[in-house]
Amino acid sequence: MSSKTTTVRARLEPDLKEKTELIFEQLGLSTTEAIRIFFKQVQLQQGLPFDLKLPNETTQKTIAEAQERKQLKSVDSAQELFDDLGI
């Protein structure tokens, strides 16, 4: 790695930053290391290292219904869920 570096600055919601840094910590990574990995993958892939897609109409409807808590069923245990699913 070159001894020369540059600084990258980004504005993020505090909650997003905090939750993401907890995941990085569990992976044994600093935020700087995670950003370096992301940039390296962009360079190697010649694009984003994951697909970016808009959800289809069915998925959009399902997401909206879930956010509105429509047609959701609650259970109190895993066993109750398995029983409800018949497994």
C-alpha atoms as a PDB file:
ATOM      1  CA  MET A   1       0.000   0.000   0.000  1.00  0.00           C
ATOM      2  CA  SER A   2       1.250   3.463  -0.805  1.00  0.00           C
ATOM      3  CA  SER A   3       2.281   5.704   2.058  1.00  0.00           C
ATOM      4  CA  LYS A   4       0.213   8.483   0.529  1.00  0.00           C
ATOM      5  CA  THR A   5      -3.435   8.600   1.531  1.00  0.00           C
ATOM      6  CA  THR A   6      -6.442  10.804   0.969  1.00  0.00           C
ATOM      7  CA  THR A   7      -9.447  11.540   3.117  1.00  0.00           C
ATOM      8  CA  VAL A   8     -13.018  10.536   2.298  1.00  0.00           C
ATOM      9  CA  ARG A   9     -15.814  12.331   4.131  1.00  0.00           C
ATOM     10  CA  ALA A  10     -19.456  11.304   4.187  1.00  0.00           C
ATOM     11  CA  ARG A  11     -22.533  12.461   6.043  1.00  0.00           C
ATOM     12  CA  LEU A  12     -24.609   9.638   7.519  1.00  0.00           C
ATOM     13  CA  GLU A  13     -27.489   9.322   9.919  1.00  0.00           C
ATOM     14  CA  PRO A  14     -25.997   8.695  13.384  1.00  0.00           C
ATOM     15  CA  ASP A  15     -28.096   5.537  13.876  1.00  0.00           C
ATOM     16  CA  LEU A  16     -26.926   4.050  10.566  1.00  0.00           C
ATOM     17  CA  LYS A  17     -23.295   4.792  11.426  1.00  0.00           C
ATOM     18  CA  GLU A  18     -23.584   3.317  14.922  1.00  0.00           C
ATOM     19  CA  LYS A  19     -25.311   0.107  13.825  1.00  0.00           C
ATOM     20  CA  THR A  20     -22.908  -0.382  10.923  1.00  0.00           C
ATOM     21  CA  GLU A  21     -19.850   0.158  13.109  1.00  0.00           C
ATOM     22  CA  LEU A  22     -21.136  -2.504  15.524  1.00  0.00           C
ATOM     23  CA  ILE A  23     -21.197  -4.965  12.624  1.00  0.00           C
ATOM     24  CA  PHE A  24     -17.708  -3.912  11.513  1.00  0.00           C
ATOM     25  CA  GLU A  25     -16.504  -4.475  15.087  1.00  0.00           C
ATOM     26  CA  GLN A  26     -17.954  -8.001  15.101  1.00  0.00           C
ATOM     27  CA  LEU A  27     -16.109  -8.639  11.834  1.00  0.00           C
ATOM     28  CA  GLY A  28     -12.879  -7.291  13.303  1.00  0.00           C
ATOM     29  CA  LEU A  29     -12.831  -4.321  10.936  1.00  0.00           C
ATOM     30  CA  SER A  30     -12.474  -0.612  11.460  1.00  0.00           C
ATOM     31  CA  THR A  31     -14.689   1.721   9.445  1.00  0.00           C
ATOM     32  CA  THR A  32     -11.621   2.740   7.442  1.00  0.00           C
ATOM     33  CA  GLU A  33     -10.821  -0.903   6.622  1.00  0.00           C
ATOM     34  CA  ALA A  34     -14.425  -1.572   5.590  1.00  0.00           C
ATOM     35  CA  ILE A  35     -14.419   1.469   3.285  1.00  0.00           C
ATOM     36  CA  ARG A  36     -11.067   0.383   1.819  1.00  0.00           C
ATOM     37  CA  ILE A  37     -12.505  -3.105   1.125  1.00  0.00           C
ATOM     38  CA  PHE A  38     -15.584  -1.573  -0.517  1.00  0.00           C
ATOM     39  CA  PHE A  39     -13.465   0.725  -2.725  1.00  0.00           C
ATOM     40  CA  LYS A  40     -11.160  -2.157  -3.678  1.00  0.00           C
ATOM     41  CA  GLN A  41     -14.139  -4.302  -4.679  1.00  0.00           C
ATOM     42  CA  VAL A  42     -15.561  -1.447  -6.787  1.00  0.00           C
ATOM     43  CA  GLN A  43     -12.179  -1.223  -8.517  1.00  0.00           C
ATOM     44  CA  LEU A  44     -11.937  -5.004  -9.064  1.00  0.00           C
ATOM     45  CA  GLN A  45     -15.559  -5.387 -10.203  1.00  0.00           C
ATOM     46  CA  GLN A  46     -15.490  -2.204 -12.286  1.00  0.00           C
ATOM     47  CA  GLY A  47     -18.765  -1.259 -10.611  1.00  0.00           C
ATOM     48  CA  LEU A  48     -20.666  -1.800  -7.416  1.00  0.00           C
ATOM     49  CA  PRO A  49     -19.931  -5.207  -5.878  1.00  0.00           C
ATOM     50  CA  PHE A  50     -23.646  -5.968  -5.543  1.00  0.00           C
ATOM     51  CA  ASP A  51     -26.771  -5.653  -7.676  1.00  0.00           C
ATOM     52  CA  LEU A  52     -28.809  -2.485  -7.436  1.00  0.00           C
ATOM     53  CA  LYS A  53     -32.386  -3.117  -8.446  1.00  0.00           C
ATOM     54  CA  LEU A  54     -35.732  -1.526  -7.882  1.00  0.00           C
ATOM     55  CA  PRO A  55     -38.168  -3.957  -6.288  1.00  0.00           C
ATOM     56  CA  ASN A  56     -40.886  -5.301  -8.574  1.00  0.00           C
ATOM     57  CA  GLU A  57     -44.537  -4.347  -8.071  1.00  0.00           C
ATOM     58  CA  THR A  58     -45.323  -7.365  -5.860  1.00  0.00           C
ATOM     59  CA  THR A  59     -42.330  -6.689  -3.614  1.00  0.00           C
ATOM     60  CA  GLN A  60     -43.171  -2.971  -3.393  1.00  0.00           C
ATOM     61  CA  LYS A  61     -46.741  -3.828  -2.369  1.00  0.00           C
ATOM     62  CA  THR A  62     -45.550  -6.363   0.209  1.00  0.00           C
ATOM     63  CA  ILE A  63     -43.069  -3.877   1.703  1.00  0.00           C
ATOM     64  CA  ALA A  64     -45.758  -1.180   1.905  1.00  0.00           C
ATOM     65  CA  GLU A  65     -48.198  -3.583   3.578  1.00  0.00           C
ATOM     66  CA  ALA A  66     -45.565  -4.677   6.079  1.00  0.00           C
ATOM     67  CA  GLN A  67     -44.725  -1.079   6.929  1.00  0.00           C
ATOM     68  CA  GLU A  68     -48.437  -0.428   7.455  1.00  0.00           C
ATOM     69  CA  ARG A  69     -48.648  -3.704   9.456  1.00  0.00           C
ATOM     70  CA  LYS A  70     -51.353  -5.028   7.099  1.00  0.00           C
ATOM     71  CA  GLN A  71     -51.947  -8.770   6.826  1.00  0.00           C
ATOM     72  CA  LEU A  72     -49.275  -9.518   9.418  1.00  0.00           C
ATOM     73  CA  LYS A  73     -49.704 -12.367  11.811  1.00  0.00           C
ATOM     74  CA  SER A  74     -47.930 -12.406  15.153  1.00  0.00           C
ATOM     75  CA  VAL A  75     -46.877 -15.460  17.102  1.00  0.00           C
ATOM     76  CA  ASP A  76     -45.426 -15.786  20.580  1.00  0.00           C
ATOM     77  CA  SER A  77     -42.912 -18.540  19.902  1.00  0.00           C
ATOM     78  CA  ALA A  78     -41.048 -20.372  17.195  1.00  0.00           C
ATOM     79  CA  GLN A  79     -43.137 -23.458  17.918  1.00  0.00           C
ATOM     80  CA  GLU A  80     -46.343 -21.490  17.357  1.00  0.00           C
ATOM     81  CA  LEU A  81     -44.949 -20.298  14.029  1.00  0.00           C
ATOM     82  CA  PHE A  82     -44.007 -23.835  12.985  1.00  0.00           C
ATOM     83  CA  ASP A  83     -47.451 -25.087  14.016  1.00  0.00           C
ATOM     84  CA  ASP A  84     -49.113 -22.325  12.016  1.00  0.00           C
ATOM     85  CA  LEU A  85     -46.991 -23.197   8.987  1.00  0.00           C
ATOM     86  CA  GLY A  86     -47.678 -26.894   9.420  1.00  0.00           C
ATOM     87  CA  ILE A  87     -44.023 -27.854   9.843  1.00  0.00           C
END
